Amino acid sequence: MLTSTIIHTKTEHQFRELLRYLEKLVYAWSDGKSATSQFSLFSSYGDRTCLNIGNDNKRLTYANTNFYGSEQDYTIISFEQYMREHSPPERTNLNRKLIQSIKDIKKEKSQ
């Protein structure tokens, strides 16, 4: 099993979408900050930004494509490939329904 997955995000939109998705899976930055607290990091490397997601510890780090491309131990995958493999439509719809159900239950309890 891979200990890390390297995902190349070519646009700020992809970067933000990926961080939102990973936060739902309880990923956080290596310093413990929530995934979505660091949207501004994309500006450091722009369209060369890669996220390194720790599959074992759910910790995030980032660097540019040159850094990960120069290391033999890393394979970079595209944002599209990662989302296709990890967020199939039926799972996304199920997650939305589950989140809505939880909100409904909380709303009922508060009334």
PDB file of N, CA and C in Angstrom:
ATOM      1  N   MET A   1       0.831  -1.191   0.000  1.00  0.00           N
ATOM      2  CA  MET A   1       0.000   0.000   0.000  1.00  0.00           C
ATOM      3  C   MET A   1       0.871   1.248   0.000  1.00  0.00           C
ATOM      4  N   LEU A   2       0.496   2.216  -0.808  1.00  0.00           N
ATOM      5  CA  LEU A   2       1.234   3.473  -0.867  1.00  0.00           C
ATOM      6  C   LEU A   2       1.079   4.239   0.436  1.00  0.00           C
ATOM      7  N   THR A   3       2.184   4.810   0.908  1.00  0.00           N
ATOM      8  CA  THR A   3       2.093   5.618   2.123  1.00  0.00           C
ATOM      9  C   THR A   3       1.699   7.051   1.806  1.00  0.00           C
ATOM     10  N   SER A   4       1.922   7.471   0.554  1.00  0.00           N
ATOM     11  CA  SER A   4       1.537   8.816   0.124  1.00  0.00           C
ATOM     12  C   SER A   4       1.017   8.783  -1.301  1.00  0.00           C
ATOM     13  N   THR A   5       0.150   9.729  -1.585  1.00  0.00           N
ATOM     14  CA  THR A   5      -0.336   9.946  -2.937  1.00  0.00           C
ATOM     15  C   THR A   5      -0.012  11.387  -3.288  1.00  0.00           C
ATOM     16  N   ILE A   6       0.591  11.606  -4.462  1.00  0.00           N
ATOM     17  CA  ILE A   6       0.944  12.945  -4.911  1.00  0.00           C
ATOM     18  C   ILE A   6      -0.044  13.347  -5.996  1.00  0.00           C
ATOM     19  N   ILE A   7      -0.750  14.449  -5.770  1.00  0.00           N
ATOM     20  CA  ILE A   7      -1.796  14.893  -6.694  1.00  0.00           C
ATOM     21  C   ILE A   7      -1.423  16.267  -7.245  1.00  0.00           C
ATOM     22  N   HIS A   8      -1.352  16.358  -8.563  1.00  0.00           N
ATOM     23  CA  HIS A   8      -1.036  17.620  -9.232  1.00  0.00           C
ATOM     24  C   HIS A   8      -2.326  18.397  -9.474  1.00  0.00           C
ATOM     25  N   THR A   9      -2.397  19.603  -8.942  1.00  0.00           N
ATOM     26  CA  THR A   9      -3.546  20.491  -9.164  1.00  0.00           C
ATOM     27  C   THR A   9      -3.081  21.635 -10.049  1.00  0.00           C
ATOM     28  N   LYS A  10      -3.635  21.721 -11.245  1.00  0.00           N
ATOM     29  CA  LYS A  10      -3.196  22.721 -12.220  1.00  0.00           C
ATOM     30  C   LYS A  10      -3.863  24.077 -12.031  1.00  0.00           C
ATOM     31  N   THR A  11      -4.994  24.097 -11.327  1.00  0.00           N
ATOM     32  CA  THR A  11      -5.710  25.359 -11.135  1.00  0.00           C
ATOM     33  C   THR A  11      -6.032  25.554  -9.658  1.00  0.00           C
ATOM     34  N   GLU A  12      -6.275  26.797  -9.294  1.00  0.00           N
ATOM     35  CA  GLU A  12      -6.665  27.074  -7.909  1.00  0.00           C
ATOM     36  C   GLU A  12      -8.010  26.423  -7.596  1.00  0.00           C
ATOM     37  N   HIS A  13      -8.895  26.371  -8.584  1.00  0.00           N
ATOM     38  CA  HIS A  13     -10.183  25.717  -8.393  1.00  0.00           C
ATOM     39  C   HIS A  13      -9.981  24.237  -8.020  1.00  0.00           C
ATOM     40  N   GLN A  14      -9.108  23.535  -8.731  1.00  0.00           N
ATOM     41  CA  GLN A  14      -8.825  22.127  -8.411  1.00  0.00           C
ATOM     42  C   GLN A  14      -8.243  21.996  -7.005  1.00  0.00           C
ATOM     43  N   PHE A  15      -7.317  22.883  -6.670  1.00  0.00           N
ATOM     44  CA  PHE A  15      -6.680  22.869  -5.356  1.00  0.00           C
ATOM     45  C   PHE A  15      -7.717  23.016  -4.247  1.00  0.00           C
ATOM     46  N   ARG A  16      -8.592  24.000  -4.414  1.00  0.00           N
ATOM     47  CA  ARG A  16      -9.631  24.246  -3.413  1.00  0.00           C
ATOM     48  C   ARG A  16     -10.609  23.073  -3.329  1.00  0.00           C
ATOM     49  N   GLU A  17     -11.027  22.556  -4.472  1.00  0.00           N
ATOM     50  CA  GLU A  17     -11.966  21.430  -4.484  1.00  0.00           C
ATOM     51  C   GLU A  17     -11.356  20.205  -3.806  1.00  0.00           C
ATOM     52  N   LEU A  18     -10.097  19.950  -4.090  1.00  0.00           N
ATOM     53  CA  LEU A  18      -9.425  18.806  -3.475  1.00  0.00           C
ATOM     54  C   LEU A  18      -9.311  18.980  -1.959  1.00  0.00           C
ATOM     55  N   LEU A  19      -8.954  20.173  -1.513  1.00  0.00           N
ATOM     56  CA  LEU A  19      -8.849  20.404  -0.071  1.00  0.00           C
ATOM     57  C   LEU A  19     -10.208  20.256   0.617  1.00  0.00           C
ATOM     58  N   ARG A  20     -11.255  20.736  -0.015  1.00  0.00           N
ATOM     59  CA  ARG A  20     -12.602  20.560   0.570  1.00  0.00           C
ATOM     60  C   ARG A  20     -12.947  19.075   0.687  1.00  0.00           C
ATOM     61  N   TYR A  21     -12.654  18.327  -0.360  1.00  0.00           N
ATOM     62  CA  TYR A  21     -12.930  16.890  -0.351  1.00  0.00           C
ATOM     63  C   TYR A  21     -12.111  16.189   0.735  1.00  0.00           C
ATOM     64  N   LEU A  22     -10.825  16.509   0.830  1.00  0.00           N
ATOM     65  CA  LEU A  22      -9.957  15.857   1.812  1.00  0.00           C
ATOM     66  C   LEU A  22     -10.339  16.226   3.241  1.00  0.00           C
ATOM     67  N   GLU A  23     -10.809  17.441   3.441  1.00  0.00           N
ATOM     68  CA  GLU A  23     -11.240  17.828   4.786  1.00  0.00           C
ATOM     69  C   GLU A  23     -12.426  16.980   5.235  1.00  0.00           C
ATOM     70  N   LYS A  24     -13.315  16.659   4.307  1.00  0.00           N
ATOM     71  CA  LYS A  24     -14.447  15.783   4.640  1.00  0.00           C
ATOM     72  C   LYS A  24     -13.964  14.399   5.060  1.00  0.00           C
ATOM     73  N   LEU A  25     -12.792  14.008   4.574  1.00  0.00           N
ATOM     74  CA  LEU A  25     -12.208  12.714   4.935  1.00  0.00           C
ATOM     75  C   LEU A  25     -11.275  12.834   6.136  1.00  0.00           C
ATOM     76  N   VAL A  26     -11.316  13.978   6.806  1.00  0.00           N
ATOM     77  CA  VAL A  26     -10.574  14.283   8.036  1.00  0.00           C
ATOM     78  C   VAL A  26      -9.059  14.379   7.805  1.00  0.00           C
ATOM     79  N   TYR A  27      -8.662  14.831   6.633  1.00  0.00           N
ATOM     80  CA  TYR A  27      -7.251  15.141   6.403  1.00  0.00           C
ATOM     81  C   TYR A  27      -6.971  16.533   6.955  1.00  0.00           C
ATOM     82  N   ALA A  28      -5.726  16.746   7.398  1.00  0.00           N
ATOM     83  CA  ALA A  28      -5.293  18.046   7.903  1.00  0.00           C
ATOM     84  C   ALA A  28      -3.845  18.265   7.474  1.00  0.00           C
ATOM     85  N   TRP A  29      -3.401  19.511   7.564  1.00  0.00           N
ATOM     86  CA  TRP A  29      -2.016  19.818   7.240  1.00  0.00           C
ATOM     87  C   TRP A  29      -1.086  19.228   8.288  1.00  0.00           C
ATOM     88  N   SER A  30       0.161  19.073   7.959  1.00  0.00           N
ATOM     89  CA  SER A  30       1.114  18.447   8.882  1.00  0.00           C
ATOM     90  C   SER A  30       1.222  19.189  10.213  1.00  0.00           C
ATOM     91  N   ASP A  31       0.853  20.481  10.229  1.00  0.00           N
ATOM     92  CA  ASP A  31       0.883  21.245  11.486  1.00  0.00           C
ATOM     93  C   ASP A  31      -0.442  21.153  12.250  1.00  0.00           C
ATOM     94  N   GLY A  32      -1.377  20.347  11.720  1.00  0.00           N
ATOM     95  CA  GLY A  32      -2.645  20.148  12.400  1.00  0.00           C
ATOM     96  C   GLY A  32      -3.772  21.058  11.946  1.00  0.00           C
ATOM     97  N   LYS A  33      -3.473  22.064  11.124  1.00  0.00           N
ATOM     98  CA  LYS A  33      -4.520  22.974  10.647  1.00  0.00           C
ATOM     99  C   LYS A  33      -5.439  22.237   9.681  1.00  0.00           C
ATOM    100  N   SER A  34      -6.695  22.663   9.647  1.00  0.00           N
ATOM    101  CA  SER A  34      -7.664  22.021   8.765  1.00  0.00           C
ATOM    102  C   SER A  34      -7.246  22.188   7.307  1.00  0.00           C
ATOM    103  N   ALA A  35      -7.646  21.254   6.489  1.00  0.00           N
ATOM    104  CA  ALA A  35      -7.266  21.260   5.077  1.00  0.00           C
ATOM    105  C   ALA A  35      -7.650  22.558   4.388  1.00  0.00           C
ATOM    106  N   THR A  36      -8.844  23.046   4.655  1.00  0.00           N
ATOM    107  CA  THR A  36      -9.330  24.238   3.955  1.00  0.00           C
ATOM    108  C   THR A  36      -8.786  25.543   4.531  1.00  0.00           C
ATOM    109  N   SER A  37      -7.985  25.486   5.560  1.00  0.00           N
ATOM    110  CA  SER A  37      -7.431  26.711   6.143  1.00  0.00           C
ATOM    111  C   SER A  37      -6.265  27.263   5.323  1.00  0.00           C
ATOM    112  N   GLN A  38      -5.816  26.517   4.333  1.00  0.00           N
ATOM    113  CA  GLN A  38      -4.608  26.905   3.607  1.00  0.00           C
ATOM    114  C   GLN A  38      -4.821  27.062   2.097  1.00  0.00           C
ATOM    115  N   PHE A  39      -5.966  27.604   1.684  1.00  0.00           N
ATOM    116  CA  PHE A  39      -6.229  27.814   0.257  1.00  0.00           C
ATOM    117  C   PHE A  39      -5.146  28.674  -0.402  1.00  0.00           C
ATOM    118  N   SER A  40      -4.581  29.607   0.335  1.00  0.00           N
ATOM    119  CA  SER A  40      -3.620  30.552  -0.239  1.00  0.00           C
ATOM    120  C   SER A  40      -2.306  29.887  -0.675  1.00  0.00           C
ATOM    121  N   LEU A  41      -2.047  28.674  -0.234  1.00  0.00           N
ATOM    122  CA  LEU A  41      -0.794  28.015  -0.586  1.00  0.00           C
ATOM    123  C   LEU A  41      -0.650  27.793  -2.084  1.00  0.00           C
ATOM    124  N   PHE A  42      -1.767  27.729  -2.796  1.00  0.00           N
ATOM    125  CA  PHE A  42      -1.698  27.511  -4.243  1.00  0.00           C
ATOM    126  C   PHE A  42      -0.851  28.590  -4.921  1.00  0.00           C
ATOM    127  N   SER A  43      -0.905  29.792  -4.412  1.00  0.00           N
ATOM    128  CA  SER A  43      -0.170  30.898  -5.045  1.00  0.00           C
ATOM    129  C   SER A  43       1.350  30.696  -4.994  1.00  0.00           C
ATOM    130  N   SER A  44       1.838  29.860  -4.110  1.00  0.00           N
ATOM    131  CA  SER A  44       3.283  29.608  -4.022  1.00  0.00           C
ATOM    132  C   SER A  44       3.844  28.985  -5.295  1.00  0.00           C
ATOM    133  N   TYR A  45       3.128  28.016  -5.855  1.00  0.00           N
ATOM    134  CA  TYR A  45       3.621  27.285  -7.024  1.00  0.00           C
ATOM    135  C   TYR A  45       2.686  27.351  -8.226  1.00  0.00           C
ATOM    136  N   GLY A  46       1.500  27.918  -8.049  1.00  0.00           N
ATOM    137  CA  GLY A  46       0.566  28.051  -9.161  1.00  0.00           C
ATOM    138  C   GLY A  46       0.239  26.716  -9.811  1.00  0.00           C
ATOM    139  N   ASP A  47       0.304  26.667 -11.131  1.00  0.00           N
ATOM    140  CA  ASP A  47      -0.104  25.459 -11.857  1.00  0.00           C
ATOM    141  C   ASP A  47       0.872  24.288 -11.704  1.00  0.00           C
ATOM    142  N   ARG A  48       1.915  24.461 -10.900  1.00  0.00           N
ATOM    143  CA  ARG A  48       2.855  23.368 -10.598  1.00  0.00           C
ATOM    144  C   ARG A  48       2.629  22.792  -9.199  1.00  0.00           C
ATOM    145  N   THR A  49       1.531  23.180  -8.547  1.00  0.00           N
ATOM    146  CA  THR A  49       1.264  22.766  -7.168  1.00  0.00           C
ATOM    147  C   THR A  49       0.856  21.302  -7.086  1.00  0.00           C
ATOM    148  N   CYS A  50       1.498  20.586  -6.174  1.00  0.00           N
ATOM    149  CA  CYS A  50       1.160  19.192  -5.890  1.00  0.00           C
ATOM    150  C   CYS A  50       0.865  19.044  -4.403  1.00  0.00           C
ATOM    151  N   LEU A  51      -0.137  18.253  -4.095  1.00  0.00           N
ATOM    152  CA  LEU A  51      -0.426  17.896  -2.704  1.00  0.00           C
ATOM    153  C   LEU A  51       0.071  16.487  -2.447  1.00  0.00           C
ATOM    154  N   ASN A  52       0.731  16.319  -1.327  1.00  0.00           N
ATOM    155  CA  ASN A  52       1.178  15.008  -0.877  1.00  0.00           C
ATOM    156  C   ASN A  52       0.243  14.622   0.249  1.00  0.00           C
ATOM    157  N   ILE A  53      -0.607  13.620   0.003  1.00  0.00           N
ATOM    158  CA  ILE A  53      -1.552  13.222   1.042  1.00  0.00           C
ATOM    159  C   ILE A  53      -1.080  11.921   1.669  1.00  0.00           C
ATOM    160  N   GLY A  54      -0.862  11.972   2.959  1.00  0.00           N
ATOM    161  CA  GLY A  54      -0.417  10.790   3.689  1.00  0.00           C
ATOM    162  C   GLY A  54      -1.572   9.817   3.857  1.00  0.00           C
ATOM    163  N   ASN A  55      -1.477   8.672   3.221  1.00  0.00           N
ATOM    164  CA  ASN A  55      -2.557   7.698   3.289  1.00  0.00           C
ATOM    165  C   ASN A  55      -2.661   7.035   4.656  1.00  0.00           C
ATOM    166  N   ASP A  56      -1.545   6.964   5.372  1.00  0.00           N
ATOM    167  CA  ASP A  56      -1.554   6.320   6.684  1.00  0.00           C
ATOM    168  C   ASP A  56      -1.928   7.283   7.804  1.00  0.00           C
ATOM    169  N   ASN A  57      -1.433   8.525   7.726  1.00  0.00           N
ATOM    170  CA  ASN A  57      -1.642   9.450   8.837  1.00  0.00           C
ATOM    171  C   ASN A  57      -2.590  10.607   8.520  1.00  0.00           C
ATOM    172  N   LYS A  58      -3.113  10.651   7.284  1.00  0.00           N
ATOM    173  CA  LYS A  58      -4.058  11.699   6.866  1.00  0.00           C
ATOM    174  C   LYS A  58      -3.495  13.101   7.052  1.00  0.00           C
ATOM    175  N   ARG A  59      -2.199  13.247   6.782  1.00  0.00           N
ATOM    176  CA  ARG A  59      -1.537  14.551   6.868  1.00  0.00           C
ATOM    177  C   ARG A  59      -1.185  15.034   5.468  1.00  0.00           C
ATOM    178  N   LEU A  60      -1.298  16.350   5.264  1.00  0.00           N
ATOM    179  CA  LEU A  60      -1.047  16.973   3.974  1.00  0.00           C
ATOM    180  C   LEU A  60       0.236  17.792   3.996  1.00  0.00           C
ATOM    181  N   THR A  61       0.974  17.719   2.909  1.00  0.00           N
ATOM    182  CA  THR A  61       2.085  18.626   2.647  1.00  0.00           C
ATOM    183  C   THR A  61       1.984  19.003   1.176  1.00  0.00           C
ATOM    184  N   TYR A  62       2.772  19.978   0.762  1.00  0.00           N
ATOM    185  CA  TYR A  62       2.714  20.377  -0.640  1.00  0.00           C
ATOM    186  C   TYR A  62       4.089  20.798  -1.129  1.00  0.00           C
ATOM    187  N   ALA A  63       4.257  20.745  -2.429  1.00  0.00           N
ATOM    188  CA  ALA A  63       5.485  21.204  -3.085  1.00  0.00           C
ATOM    189  C   ALA A  63       5.154  21.373  -4.563  1.00  0.00           C
ATOM    190  N   ASN A  64       6.170  21.625  -5.373  1.00  0.00           N
ATOM    191  CA  ASN A  64       5.891  21.782  -6.800  1.00  0.00           C
ATOM    192  C   ASN A  64       6.212  20.510  -7.573  1.00  0.00           C
ATOM    193  N   THR A  65       5.806  20.479  -8.815  1.00  0.00           N
ATOM    194  CA  THR A  65       5.999  19.285  -9.641  1.00  0.00           C
ATOM    195  C   THR A  65       7.478  18.953  -9.812  1.00  0.00           C
ATOM    196  N   ASN A  66       8.337  19.965  -9.820  1.00  0.00           N
ATOM    197  CA  ASN A  66       9.777  19.709  -9.952  1.00  0.00           C
ATOM    198  C   ASN A  66      10.298  18.890  -8.777  1.00  0.00           C
ATOM    199  N   PHE A  67       9.858  19.235  -7.570  1.00  0.00           N
ATOM    200  CA  PHE A  67      10.310  18.508  -6.381  1.00  0.00           C
ATOM    201  C   PHE A  67       9.888  17.047  -6.454  1.00  0.00           C
ATOM    202  N   TYR A  68       8.613  16.795  -6.677  1.00  0.00           N
ATOM    203  CA  TYR A  68       8.147  15.404  -6.697  1.00  0.00           C
ATOM    204  C   TYR A  68       8.600  14.667  -7.951  1.00  0.00           C
ATOM    205  N   GLY A  69       8.755  15.395  -9.057  1.00  0.00           N
ATOM    206  CA  GLY A  69       9.208  14.762 -10.290  1.00  0.00           C
ATOM    207  C   GLY A  69      10.656  14.322 -10.226  1.00  0.00           C
ATOM    208  N   SER A  70      11.458  14.980  -9.393  1.00  0.00           N
ATOM    209  CA  SER A  70      12.876  14.639  -9.287  1.00  0.00           C
ATOM    210  C   SER A  70      13.135  13.484  -8.320  1.00  0.00           C
ATOM    211  N   GLU A  71      12.150  13.138  -7.549  1.00  0.00           N
ATOM    212  CA  GLU A  71      12.304  12.052  -6.580  1.00  0.00           C
ATOM    213  C   GLU A  71      11.789  10.748  -7.188  1.00  0.00           C
ATOM    214  N   GLN A  72      12.594   9.715  -7.175  1.00  0.00           N
ATOM    215  CA  GLN A  72      12.229   8.436  -7.776  1.00  0.00           C
ATOM    216  C   GLN A  72      11.081   7.732  -7.042  1.00  0.00           C
ATOM    217  N   ASP A  73      10.906   8.042  -5.774  1.00  0.00           N
ATOM    218  CA  ASP A  73       9.912   7.335  -4.957  1.00  0.00           C
ATOM    219  C   ASP A  73       8.489   7.842  -5.144  1.00  0.00           C
ATOM    220  N   TYR A  74       8.305   8.908  -5.903  1.00  0.00           N
ATOM    221  CA  TYR A  74       6.982   9.496  -6.052  1.00  0.00           C
ATOM    222  C   TYR A  74       6.427   9.297  -7.454  1.00  0.00           C
ATOM    223  N   THR A  75       5.147   9.027  -7.513  1.00  0.00           N
ATOM    224  CA  THR A  75       4.411   9.032  -8.773  1.00  0.00           C
ATOM    225  C   THR A  75       3.339  10.097  -8.645  1.00  0.00           C
ATOM    226  N   ILE A  76       3.334  11.025  -9.585  1.00  0.00           N
ATOM    227  CA  ILE A  76       2.357  12.108  -9.558  1.00  0.00           C
ATOM    228  C   ILE A  76       1.149  11.712 -10.387  1.00  0.00           C
ATOM    229  N   ILE A  77      -0.040  11.886  -9.804  1.00  0.00           N
ATOM    230  CA  ILE A  77      -1.269  11.660 -10.562  1.00  0.00           C
ATOM    231  C   ILE A  77      -2.007  12.989 -10.691  1.00  0.00           C
ATOM    232  N   SER A  78      -2.873  13.056 -11.675  1.00  0.00           N
ATOM    233  CA  SER A  78      -3.622  14.293 -11.890  1.00  0.00           C
ATOM    234  C   SER A  78      -4.784  14.399 -10.909  1.00  0.00           C
ATOM    235  N   PHE A  79      -5.227  15.617 -10.721  1.00  0.00           N
ATOM    236  CA  PHE A  79      -6.409  15.874  -9.911  1.00  0.00           C
ATOM    237  C   PHE A  79      -7.587  15.055 -10.452  1.00  0.00           C
ATOM    238  N   GLU A  80      -7.756  15.076 -11.775  1.00  0.00           N
ATOM    239  CA  GLU A  80      -8.881  14.367 -12.400  1.00  0.00           C
ATOM    240  C   GLU A  80      -8.822  12.870 -12.112  1.00  0.00           C
ATOM    241  N   GLN A  81      -7.631  12.298 -12.209  1.00  0.00           N
ATOM    242  CA  GLN A  81      -7.489  10.865 -11.940  1.00  0.00           C
ATOM    243  C   GLN A  81      -7.834  10.541 -10.485  1.00  0.00           C
ATOM    244  N   TYR A  82      -7.328  11.347  -9.563  1.00  0.00           N
ATOM    245  CA  TYR A  82      -7.603  11.103  -8.152  1.00  0.00           C
ATOM    246  C   TYR A  82      -9.099  11.166  -7.870  1.00  0.00           C
ATOM    247  N   MET A  83      -9.749  12.201  -8.359  1.00  0.00           N
ATOM    248  CA  MET A  83     -11.184  12.353  -8.088  1.00  0.00           C
ATOM    249  C   MET A  83     -11.995  11.246  -8.762  1.00  0.00           C
ATOM    250  N   ARG A  84     -11.587  10.838  -9.941  1.00  0.00           N
ATOM    251  CA  ARG A  84     -12.278   9.750 -10.630  1.00  0.00           C
ATOM    252  C   ARG A  84     -12.174   8.453  -9.821  1.00  0.00           C
ATOM    253  N   GLU A  85     -11.017   8.211  -9.250  1.00  0.00           N
ATOM    254  CA  GLU A  85     -10.783   6.974  -8.498  1.00  0.00           C
ATOM    255  C   GLU A  85     -11.350   7.006  -7.084  1.00  0.00           C
ATOM    256  N   HIS A  86     -11.477   8.179  -6.496  1.00  0.00           N
ATOM    257  CA  HIS A  86     -11.857   8.270  -5.088  1.00  0.00           C
ATOM    258  C   HIS A  86     -13.217   8.897  -4.818  1.00  0.00           C
ATOM    259  N   SER A  87     -13.825   9.451  -5.806  1.00  0.00           N
ATOM    260  CA  SER A  87     -15.108  10.104  -5.576  1.00  0.00           C
ATOM    261  C   SER A  87     -16.095   9.778  -6.696  1.00  0.00           C
ATOM    262  N   PRO A  88     -16.469   8.493  -6.820  1.00  0.00           N
ATOM    263  CA  PRO A  88     -17.448   8.151  -7.847  1.00  0.00           C
ATOM    264  C   PRO A  88     -18.781   8.840  -7.578  1.00  0.00           C
ATOM    265  N   PRO A  89     -19.552   9.141  -8.624  1.00  0.00           N
ATOM    266  CA  PRO A  89     -20.814   9.873  -8.452  1.00  0.00           C
ATOM    267  C   PRO A  89     -21.750   9.266  -7.419  1.00  0.00           C
ATOM    268  N   GLU A  90     -21.878   7.945  -7.398  1.00  0.00           N
ATOM    269  CA  GLU A  90     -22.807   7.342  -6.448  1.00  0.00           C
ATOM    270  C   GLU A  90     -22.360   7.568  -5.004  1.00  0.00           C
ATOM    271  N   ARG A  91     -21.043   7.583  -4.777  1.00  0.00           N
ATOM    272  CA  ARG A  91     -20.532   7.833  -3.435  1.00  0.00           C
ATOM    273  C   ARG A  91     -20.761   9.293  -3.051  1.00  0.00           C
ATOM    274  N   THR A  92     -20.550  10.199  -3.992  1.00  0.00           N
ATOM    275  CA  THR A  92     -20.779  11.616  -3.739  1.00  0.00           C
ATOM    276  C   THR A  92     -22.235  11.868  -3.397  1.00  0.00           C
ATOM    277  N   ASN A  93     -23.146  11.278  -4.154  1.00  0.00           N
ATOM    278  CA  ASN A  93     -24.573  11.435  -3.874  1.00  0.00           C
ATOM    279  C   ASN A  93     -24.934  10.852  -2.517  1.00  0.00           C
ATOM    280  N   LEU A  94     -24.352   9.711  -2.187  1.00  0.00           N
ATOM    281  CA  LEU A  94     -24.608   9.090  -0.895  1.00  0.00           C
ATOM    282  C   LEU A  94     -24.120   9.994   0.234  1.00  0.00           C
ATOM    283  N   ASN A  95     -22.927  10.581   0.060  1.00  0.00           N
ATOM    284  CA  ASN A  95     -22.399  11.495   1.079  1.00  0.00           C
ATOM    285  C   ASN A  95     -23.313  12.697   1.272  1.00  0.00           C
ATOM    286  N   ARG A  96     -23.814  13.256   0.171  1.00  0.00           N
ATOM    287  CA  ARG A  96     -24.728  14.400   0.279  1.00  0.00           C
ATOM    288  C   ARG A  96     -25.991  14.012   1.040  1.00  0.00           C
ATOM    289  N   LYS A  97     -26.547  12.843   0.738  1.00  0.00           N
ATOM    290  CA  LYS A  97     -27.750  12.382   1.425  1.00  0.00           C
ATOM    291  C   LYS A  97     -27.470  12.154   2.908  1.00  0.00           C
ATOM    292  N   LEU A  98     -26.322  11.581   3.214  1.00  0.00           N
ATOM    293  CA  LEU A  98     -25.957  11.335   4.606  1.00  0.00           C
ATOM    294  C   LEU A  98     -25.802  12.649   5.367  1.00  0.00           C
ATOM    295  N   ILE A  99     -25.120  13.605   4.764  1.00  0.00           N
ATOM    296  CA  ILE A  99     -24.939  14.915   5.402  1.00  0.00           C
ATOM    297  C   ILE A  99     -26.284  15.588   5.625  1.00  0.00           C
ATOM    298  N   GLN A 100     -27.167  15.522   4.641  1.00  0.00           N
ATOM    299  CA  GLN A 100     -28.491  16.121   4.788  1.00  0.00           C
ATOM    300  C   GLN A 100     -29.282  15.431   5.895  1.00  0.00           C
ATOM    301  N   SER A 101     -29.182  14.109   5.986  1.00  0.00           N
ATOM    302  CA  SER A 101     -29.876  13.372   7.047  1.00  0.00           C
ATOM    303  C   SER A 101     -29.390  13.802   8.423  1.00  0.00           C
ATOM    304  N   ILE A 102     -28.084  13.967   8.560  1.00  0.00           N
ATOM    305  CA  ILE A 102     -27.511  14.398   9.841  1.00  0.00           C
ATOM    306  C   ILE A 102     -28.015  15.801  10.191  1.00  0.00           C
ATOM    307  N   LYS A 103     -28.039  16.687   9.200  1.00  0.00           N
ATOM    308  CA  LYS A 103     -28.554  18.041   9.438  1.00  0.00           C
ATOM    309  C   LYS A 103     -30.015  17.998   9.864  1.00  0.00           C
ATOM    310  N   ASP A 104     -30.812  17.155   9.209  1.00  0.00           N
ATOM    311  CA  ASP A 104     -32.228  17.030   9.558  1.00  0.00           C
ATOM    312  C   ASP A 104     -32.407  16.533  10.985  1.00  0.00           C
ATOM    313  N   ILE A 105     -31.614  15.563  11.384  1.00  0.00           N
ATOM    314  CA  ILE A 105     -31.700  15.017  12.748  1.00  0.00           C
ATOM    315  C   ILE A 105     -31.326  16.099  13.757  1.00  0.00           C
ATOM    316  N   LYS A 106     -30.249  16.830  13.493  1.00  0.00           N
ATOM    317  CA  LYS A 106     -29.850  17.909  14.394  1.00  0.00           C
ATOM    318  C   LYS A 106     -30.919  18.976  14.500  1.00  0.00           C
ATOM    319  N   LYS A 107     -31.529  19.284  13.373  1.00  0.00           N
ATOM    320  CA  LYS A 107     -32.600  20.298  13.362  1.00  0.00           C
ATOM    321  C   LYS A 107     -33.787  19.835  14.186  1.00  0.00           C
ATOM    322  N   GLU A 108     -34.172  18.567  14.055  1.00  0.00           N
ATOM    323  CA  GLU A 108     -35.288  18.018  14.824  1.00  0.00           C
ATOM    324  C   GLU A 108     -35.004  18.039  16.324  1.00  0.00           C
ATOM    325  N   LYS A 109     -33.761  17.718  16.681  1.00  0.00           N
ATOM    326  CA  LYS A 109     -33.390  17.697  18.093  1.00  0.00           C
ATOM    327  C   LYS A 109     -33.379  19.093  18.711  1.00  0.00           C
ATOM    328  N   SER A 110     -33.072  20.102  17.909  1.00  0.00           N
ATOM    329  CA  SER A 110     -33.010  21.461  18.425  1.00  0.00           C
ATOM    330  C   SER A 110     -34.404  22.111  18.564  1.00  0.00           C
ATOM    331  N   GLN A 111     -35.404  21.486  17.985  1.00  0.00           N
ATOM    332  CA  GLN A 111     -36.749  22.088  18.060  1.00  0.00           C
ATOM    333  C   GLN A 111     -37.484  21.666  19.298  1.00  0.00           C
TER     334      GLN A 111
END
